[in-house]
Amino acid sequence: MKIRIIDYGVGNLHSISKGLEKTGAKVEIVTDPKALLDAGGIVFPGVGAFGAAMDVLQPVLPQLRKAIASGTPTLGVCLGMQILFDRSEESPGEGISAIKGEVKRINADRVPHMGWNNVQASDDPLFEGIPTDIQFYFANSFVCHPTQKVGIAKTRYGETFVSAVRKGSIYGVQFHPEKSGLPGLRLLSNFVSISEGST
């Protein structure tokens, strides 16, 4: 299967692309959001700001929502997780709304939240083979507040927040697996395996 990563026009997507390729996945970075509509799997990377990312996706937003809702395996990383929600305090405008809830500025003494932090994961296939309490790398100023029971991991930094979600074939992680060494590579490999099993 081919996984497509959308380039919002900011930053270097090399790390997430190479991380997925190491799992054996075929990966393509695309700048045209229309290319996401027939992808085998979709990755929204953790680069940029909420509003700018949604500006890129806006031309195909209704079709993209349908593709994701129909079961296309989807992984949102950091910002990519946040745009899966309805809205964000970071920028006006709507998100993809694949998951109900909103994104708020993290309630901590020091923002942004940068560096390694513990992730307490539940028993979910995304975390198969990964210890239930392990460190991943974070770089964020905002966190997600779902109104649905979709949390599959939590993290404490100033506040306890949901650091990973799952709704059907839709996954989101607030941390950066592509910058988190072997546990991160295993998580990406798990996502690819889940995606291949759903096709």
C-alpha atoms as a PDB file:
ATOM      1  CA  MET A   1       0.000   0.000   0.000  1.00  0.00           C
ATOM      2  CA  LYS A   2       1.068   3.595  -0.485  1.00  0.00           C
ATOM      3  CA  ILE A   3       0.978   6.077   2.377  1.00  0.00           C
ATOM      4  CA  ARG A   4       0.783   9.726   1.400  1.00  0.00           C
ATOM      5  CA  ILE A   5       2.102  12.539   3.614  1.00  0.00           C
ATOM      6  CA  ILE A   6       0.716  16.007   2.975  1.00  0.00           C
ATOM      7  CA  ASP A   7       3.230  18.847   2.841  1.00  0.00           C
ATOM      8  CA  TYR A   8       1.644  21.953   4.345  1.00  0.00           C
ATOM      9  CA  GLY A   9       4.465  24.039   2.876  1.00  0.00           C
ATOM     10  CA  VAL A  10       6.475  24.410   6.090  1.00  0.00           C
ATOM     11  CA  GLY A  11       9.422  22.426   7.401  1.00  0.00           C
ATOM     12  CA  ASN A  12      11.246  19.239   6.519  1.00  0.00           C
ATOM     13  CA  LEU A  13       9.240  16.022   6.228  1.00  0.00           C
ATOM     14  CA  HIS A  14      12.344  13.871   5.816  1.00  0.00           C
ATOM     15  CA  SER A  15      12.191  12.270   9.296  1.00  0.00           C
ATOM     16  CA  ILE A  16       8.591  11.047   9.167  1.00  0.00           C
ATOM     17  CA  SER A  17       9.016   9.880   5.567  1.00  0.00           C
ATOM     18  CA  LYS A  18      12.181   7.904   6.337  1.00  0.00           C
ATOM     19  CA  GLY A  19      10.666   6.485   9.510  1.00  0.00           C
ATOM     20  CA  LEU A  20       7.730   5.071   7.568  1.00  0.00           C
ATOM     21  CA  GLU A  21       9.986   3.785   4.785  1.00  0.00           C
ATOM     22  CA  LYS A  22      12.020   1.853   7.370  1.00  0.00           C
ATOM     23  CA  THR A  23       8.865  -0.119   8.177  1.00  0.00           C
ATOM     24  CA  GLY A  24       8.645  -1.224   4.545  1.00  0.00           C
ATOM     25  CA  ALA A  25       5.864   1.143   3.556  1.00  0.00           C
ATOM     26  CA  LYS A  26       5.800   2.922   0.216  1.00  0.00           C
ATOM     27  CA  VAL A  27       5.711   6.623   1.032  1.00  0.00           C
ATOM     28  CA  GLU A  28       4.936   9.646  -1.094  1.00  0.00           C
ATOM     29  CA  ILE A  29       5.055  13.295   0.004  1.00  0.00           C
ATOM     30  CA  VAL A  30       2.373  15.296  -1.808  1.00  0.00           C
ATOM     31  CA  THR A  31       1.660  19.022  -2.022  1.00  0.00           C
ATOM     32  CA  ASP A  32      -1.730  18.699  -3.715  1.00  0.00           C
ATOM     33  CA  PRO A  33      -4.337  17.659  -1.104  1.00  0.00           C
ATOM     34  CA  LYS A  34      -6.382  15.975  -3.851  1.00  0.00           C
ATOM     35  CA  ALA A  35      -3.767  13.205  -3.817  1.00  0.00           C
ATOM     36  CA  LEU A  36      -4.936  12.239  -0.317  1.00  0.00           C
ATOM     37  CA  LEU A  37      -8.393  11.271  -1.528  1.00  0.00           C
ATOM     38  CA  ASP A  38      -7.320   7.937  -3.071  1.00  0.00           C
ATOM     39  CA  ALA A  39      -4.366   7.201  -0.778  1.00  0.00           C
ATOM     40  CA  GLY A  40      -3.952   3.792   0.848  1.00  0.00           C
ATOM     41  CA  GLY A  41      -3.090   5.611   4.062  1.00  0.00           C
ATOM     42  CA  ILE A  42      -2.845   9.275   5.079  1.00  0.00           C
ATOM     43  CA  VAL A  43      -0.321  10.931   7.369  1.00  0.00           C
ATOM     44  CA  PHE A  44      -0.773  14.482   8.609  1.00  0.00           C
ATOM     45  CA  PRO A  45       2.688  15.513   9.862  1.00  0.00           C
ATOM     46  CA  GLY A  46       3.578  17.693  12.828  1.00  0.00           C
ATOM     47  CA  VAL A  47       4.737  20.753  10.961  1.00  0.00           C
ATOM     48  CA  GLY A  48       3.284  24.283  10.890  1.00  0.00           C
ATOM     49  CA  ALA A  49       0.252  25.955  12.460  1.00  0.00           C
ATOM     50  CA  PHE A  50      -3.388  24.868  12.640  1.00  0.00           C
ATOM     51  CA  GLY A  51      -4.752  27.628  10.419  1.00  0.00           C
ATOM     52  CA  ALA A  52      -2.058  27.332   7.765  1.00  0.00           C
ATOM     53  CA  ALA A  53      -2.473  23.552   7.568  1.00  0.00           C
ATOM     54  CA  MET A  54      -6.245  23.834   7.204  1.00  0.00           C
ATOM     55  CA  ASP A  55      -5.811  26.470   4.475  1.00  0.00           C
ATOM     56  CA  VAL A  56      -3.954  23.831   2.439  1.00  0.00           C
ATOM     57  CA  LEU A  57      -6.675  21.214   3.022  1.00  0.00           C
ATOM     58  CA  GLN A  58      -9.682  23.508   2.637  1.00  0.00           C
ATOM     59  CA  PRO A  59     -10.168  22.993  -1.145  1.00  0.00           C
ATOM     60  CA  VAL A  60     -10.847  19.265  -0.631  1.00  0.00           C
ATOM     61  CA  LEU A  61     -12.192  19.298   2.931  1.00  0.00           C
ATOM     62  CA  PRO A  62     -15.636  17.723   2.256  1.00  0.00           C
ATOM     63  CA  GLN A  63     -14.098  14.923   0.141  1.00  0.00           C
ATOM     64  CA  LEU A  64     -11.266  14.438   2.640  1.00  0.00           C
ATOM     65  CA  ARG A  65     -13.741  14.048   5.485  1.00  0.00           C
ATOM     66  CA  LYS A  66     -15.571  11.383   3.471  1.00  0.00           C
ATOM     67  CA  ALA A  67     -12.348   9.519   2.664  1.00  0.00           C
ATOM     68  CA  ILE A  68     -11.291   9.436   6.314  1.00  0.00           C
ATOM     69  CA  ALA A  69     -14.783   8.501   7.520  1.00  0.00           C
ATOM     70  CA  SER A  70     -14.937   5.676   4.975  1.00  0.00           C
ATOM     71  CA  GLY A  71     -12.014   3.950   6.695  1.00  0.00           C
ATOM     72  CA  THR A  72      -8.825   5.230   5.058  1.00  0.00           C
ATOM     73  CA  PRO A  73      -6.103   4.574   7.664  1.00  0.00           C
ATOM     74  CA  THR A  74      -5.033   7.965   8.982  1.00  0.00           C
ATOM     75  CA  LEU A  75      -2.278   9.071  11.351  1.00  0.00           C
ATOM     76  CA  GLY A  76      -1.964  12.609  12.677  1.00  0.00           C
ATOM     77  CA  VAL A  77       1.334  13.577  14.331  1.00  0.00           C
ATOM     78  CA  CYS A  78       1.479  16.581  16.718  1.00  0.00           C
ATOM     79  CA  LEU A  79      -0.181  19.352  14.666  1.00  0.00           C
ATOM     80  CA  GLY A  80      -1.496  16.561  12.451  1.00  0.00           C
ATOM     81  CA  MET A  81      -3.373  15.145  15.442  1.00  0.00           C
ATOM     82  CA  GLN A  82      -4.750  18.572  16.320  1.00  0.00           C
ATOM     83  CA  ILE A  83      -6.253  19.262  12.885  1.00  0.00           C
ATOM     84  CA  LEU A  84      -8.269  16.038  13.212  1.00  0.00           C
ATOM     85  CA  PHE A  85     -10.370  17.911  15.788  1.00  0.00           C
ATOM     86  CA  ASP A  86     -13.136  20.508  15.347  1.00  0.00           C
ATOM     87  CA  ARG A  87     -11.242  23.691  16.199  1.00  0.00           C
ATOM     88  CA  SER A  88      -8.150  25.145  17.887  1.00  0.00           C
ATOM     89  CA  GLU A  89      -7.355  28.157  20.046  1.00  0.00           C
ATOM     90  CA  GLU A  90      -4.253  28.611  17.891  1.00  0.00           C
ATOM     91  CA  SER A  91      -6.172  29.755  14.799  1.00  0.00           C
ATOM     92  CA  PRO A  92      -9.746  30.604  13.805  1.00  0.00           C
ATOM     93  CA  GLY A  93     -11.625  28.319  11.439  1.00  0.00           C
ATOM     94  CA  GLU A  94     -12.636  24.684  11.354  1.00  0.00           C
ATOM     95  CA  GLY A  95     -10.588  21.546  11.557  1.00  0.00           C
ATOM     96  CA  ILE A  96     -11.186  18.245   9.786  1.00  0.00           C
ATOM     97  CA  SER A  97     -13.652  17.260  12.549  1.00  0.00           C
ATOM     98  CA  ALA A  98     -12.860  13.555  12.274  1.00  0.00           C
ATOM     99  CA  ILE A  99     -12.768  13.570  16.080  1.00  0.00           C
ATOM    100  CA  LYS A 100     -15.062  15.714  18.197  1.00  0.00           C
ATOM    101  CA  GLY A 101     -13.405  18.189  20.552  1.00  0.00           C
ATOM    102  CA  GLU A 102     -11.092  21.169  20.533  1.00  0.00           C
ATOM    103  CA  VAL A 103      -7.442  22.068  20.876  1.00  0.00           C
ATOM    104  CA  LYS A 104      -6.321  24.388  23.699  1.00  0.00           C
ATOM    105  CA  ARG A 105      -3.067  25.971  24.808  1.00  0.00           C
ATOM    106  CA  ILE A 106      -1.316  23.686  27.245  1.00  0.00           C
ATOM    107  CA  ASN A 107      -1.639  24.716  30.896  1.00  0.00           C
ATOM    108  CA  ALA A 108       1.998  24.622  31.983  1.00  0.00           C
ATOM    109  CA  ASP A 109       4.578  26.981  33.482  1.00  0.00           C
ATOM    110  CA  ARG A 110       6.893  26.578  30.516  1.00  0.00           C
ATOM    111  CA  VAL A 111       5.526  26.609  26.974  1.00  0.00           C
ATOM    112  CA  PRO A 112       6.236  25.138  24.463  1.00  0.00           C
ATOM    113  CA  HIS A 113       6.434  21.632  25.829  1.00  0.00           C
ATOM    114  CA  MET A 114       9.788  20.467  24.455  1.00  0.00           C
ATOM    115  CA  GLY A 115      11.680  17.250  24.984  1.00  0.00           C
ATOM    116  CA  TRP A 116      11.159  13.730  26.280  1.00  0.00           C
ATOM    117  CA  ASN A 117       8.158  12.888  28.419  1.00  0.00           C
ATOM    118  CA  ASN A 118       6.405   9.764  29.656  1.00  0.00           C
ATOM    119  CA  VAL A 119       3.472   8.376  27.702  1.00  0.00           C
ATOM    120  CA  GLN A 120       1.134   6.033  29.557  1.00  0.00           C
ATOM    121  CA  ALA A 121      -0.458   3.933  26.858  1.00  0.00           C
ATOM    122  CA  SER A 122      -3.492   1.689  26.979  1.00  0.00           C
ATOM    123  CA  ASP A 123      -3.777  -1.736  25.368  1.00  0.00           C
ATOM    124  CA  ASP A 124      -4.141  -0.671  21.748  1.00  0.00           C
ATOM    125  CA  PRO A 125      -2.597  -2.195  18.595  1.00  0.00           C
ATOM    126  CA  LEU A 126      -0.802   1.118  17.937  1.00  0.00           C
ATOM    127  CA  PHE A 127       1.333   0.485  21.034  1.00  0.00           C
ATOM    128  CA  GLU A 128       1.876  -3.245  20.522  1.00  0.00           C
ATOM    129  CA  GLY A 129       5.375  -4.241  21.607  1.00  0.00           C
ATOM    130  CA  ILE A 130       5.943  -0.884  23.323  1.00  0.00           C
ATOM    131  CA  PRO A 131       6.103  -0.616  27.152  1.00  0.00           C
ATOM    132  CA  THR A 132       2.957   0.947  28.614  1.00  0.00           C
ATOM    133  CA  ASP A 133       4.962   3.724  30.310  1.00  0.00           C
ATOM    134  CA  ILE A 134       7.741   4.983  28.029  1.00  0.00           C
ATOM    135  CA  GLN A 135       9.178   8.270  26.863  1.00  0.00           C
ATOM    136  CA  PHE A 136       8.490   9.886  23.498  1.00  0.00           C
ATOM    137  CA  TYR A 137       9.669  13.232  22.137  1.00  0.00           C
ATOM    138  CA  PHE A 138       7.302  16.233  22.312  1.00  0.00           C
ATOM    139  CA  ALA A 139       7.358  19.715  20.757  1.00  0.00           C
ATOM    140  CA  ASN A 140       4.003  21.430  21.228  1.00  0.00           C
ATOM    141  CA  SER A 141       2.219  24.424  22.738  1.00  0.00           C
ATOM    142  CA  PHE A 142      -1.317  23.065  22.343  1.00  0.00           C
ATOM    143  CA  VAL A 143      -3.063  19.833  23.358  1.00  0.00           C
ATOM    144  CA  CYS A 144      -6.286  18.090  22.358  1.00  0.00           C
ATOM    145  CA  HIS A 145      -9.430  17.868  24.466  1.00  0.00           C
ATOM    146  CA  PRO A 146     -11.683  15.218  22.911  1.00  0.00           C
ATOM    147  CA  THR A 147     -15.362  15.070  23.834  1.00  0.00           C
ATOM    148  CA  GLN A 148     -15.496  11.427  22.715  1.00  0.00           C
ATOM    149  CA  LYS A 149     -13.913   8.431  24.430  1.00  0.00           C
ATOM    150  CA  VAL A 150     -11.000   8.121  22.023  1.00  0.00           C
ATOM    151  CA  GLY A 151      -7.947   8.491  24.288  1.00  0.00           C
ATOM    152  CA  ILE A 152      -5.449   5.625  24.151  1.00  0.00           C
ATOM    153  CA  ALA A 153      -2.555   7.346  25.973  1.00  0.00           C
ATOM    154  CA  LYS A 154      -1.983  10.201  28.392  1.00  0.00           C
ATOM    155  CA  THR A 155       0.924  12.407  29.440  1.00  0.00           C
ATOM    156  CA  ARG A 156       1.584  14.757  32.348  1.00  0.00           C
ATOM    157  CA  TYR A 157       3.138  18.151  31.618  1.00  0.00           C
ATOM    158  CA  GLY A 158       1.621  20.959  33.661  1.00  0.00           C
ATOM    159  CA  GLU A 159      -1.667  19.156  33.169  1.00  0.00           C
ATOM    160  CA  THR A 160      -2.580  15.601  32.292  1.00  0.00           C
ATOM    161  CA  PHE A 161      -3.621  15.508  28.650  1.00  0.00           C
ATOM    162  CA  VAL A 162      -4.579  12.958  26.028  1.00  0.00           C
ATOM    163  CA  SER A 163      -1.386  12.234  24.063  1.00  0.00           C
ATOM    164  CA  ALA A 164      -2.779   9.613  21.669  1.00  0.00           C
ATOM    165  CA  VAL A 165      -6.235   8.916  20.265  1.00  0.00           C
ATOM    166  CA  ARG A 166      -7.961   6.307  18.182  1.00  0.00           C
ATOM    167  CA  LYS A 167     -11.338   6.386  16.481  1.00  0.00           C
ATOM    168  CA  GLY A 168     -11.754   3.423  14.165  1.00  0.00           C
ATOM    169  CA  SER A 169      -8.924   3.636  11.622  1.00  0.00           C
ATOM    170  CA  ILE A 170      -8.057   7.213  12.677  1.00  0.00           C
ATOM    171  CA  TYR A 171      -5.044   7.658  14.945  1.00  0.00           C
ATOM    172  CA  GLY A 172      -3.417  10.727  16.434  1.00  0.00           C
ATOM    173  CA  VAL A 173      -0.303  11.164  18.574  1.00  0.00           C
ATOM    174  CA  GLN A 174       0.748  14.433  20.189  1.00  0.00           C
ATOM    175  CA  PHE A 175       4.396  13.359  20.319  1.00  0.00           C
ATOM    176  CA  HIS A 176       6.802  12.812  17.409  1.00  0.00           C
ATOM    177  CA  PRO A 177       7.400   9.087  16.821  1.00  0.00           C
ATOM    178  CA  GLU A 178       9.825   9.911  14.016  1.00  0.00           C
ATOM    179  CA  LYS A 179      12.075  11.617  16.617  1.00  0.00           C
ATOM    180  CA  SER A 180      11.606   9.018  19.357  1.00  0.00           C
ATOM    181  CA  GLY A 181      14.096   6.301  18.481  1.00  0.00           C
ATOM    182  CA  LEU A 182      13.147   2.626  18.487  1.00  0.00           C
ATOM    183  CA  PRO A 183       9.795   2.995  20.317  1.00  0.00           C
ATOM    184  CA  GLY A 184       8.743   5.579  17.740  1.00  0.00           C
ATOM    185  CA  LEU A 185       9.812   3.366  14.864  1.00  0.00           C
ATOM    186  CA  ARG A 186       7.813   0.494  16.370  1.00  0.00           C
ATOM    187  CA  LEU A 187       4.745   2.733  16.617  1.00  0.00           C
ATOM    188  CA  LEU A 188       5.057   3.691  12.943  1.00  0.00           C
ATOM    189  CA  SER A 189       5.514   0.040  12.047  1.00  0.00           C
ATOM    190  CA  ASN A 190       2.364  -0.810  14.018  1.00  0.00           C
ATOM    191  CA  PHE A 191       0.420   1.864  12.141  1.00  0.00           C
ATOM    192  CA  VAL A 192       1.573   0.452   8.809  1.00  0.00           C
ATOM    193  CA  SER A 193       0.598  -3.083   9.878  1.00  0.00           C
ATOM    194  CA  ILE A 194      -2.822  -1.881  11.031  1.00  0.00           C
ATOM    195  CA  SER A 195      -3.266  -0.025   7.754  1.00  0.00           C
ATOM    196  CA  GLU A 196      -2.323  -3.040   5.637  1.00  0.00           C
ATOM    197  CA  GLY A 197      -4.706  -5.212   7.615  1.00  0.00           C
ATOM    198  CA  SER A 198      -7.594  -2.842   6.939  1.00  0.00           C
ATOM    199  CA  THR A 199      -7.225  -2.859   3.150  1.00  0.00           C
END
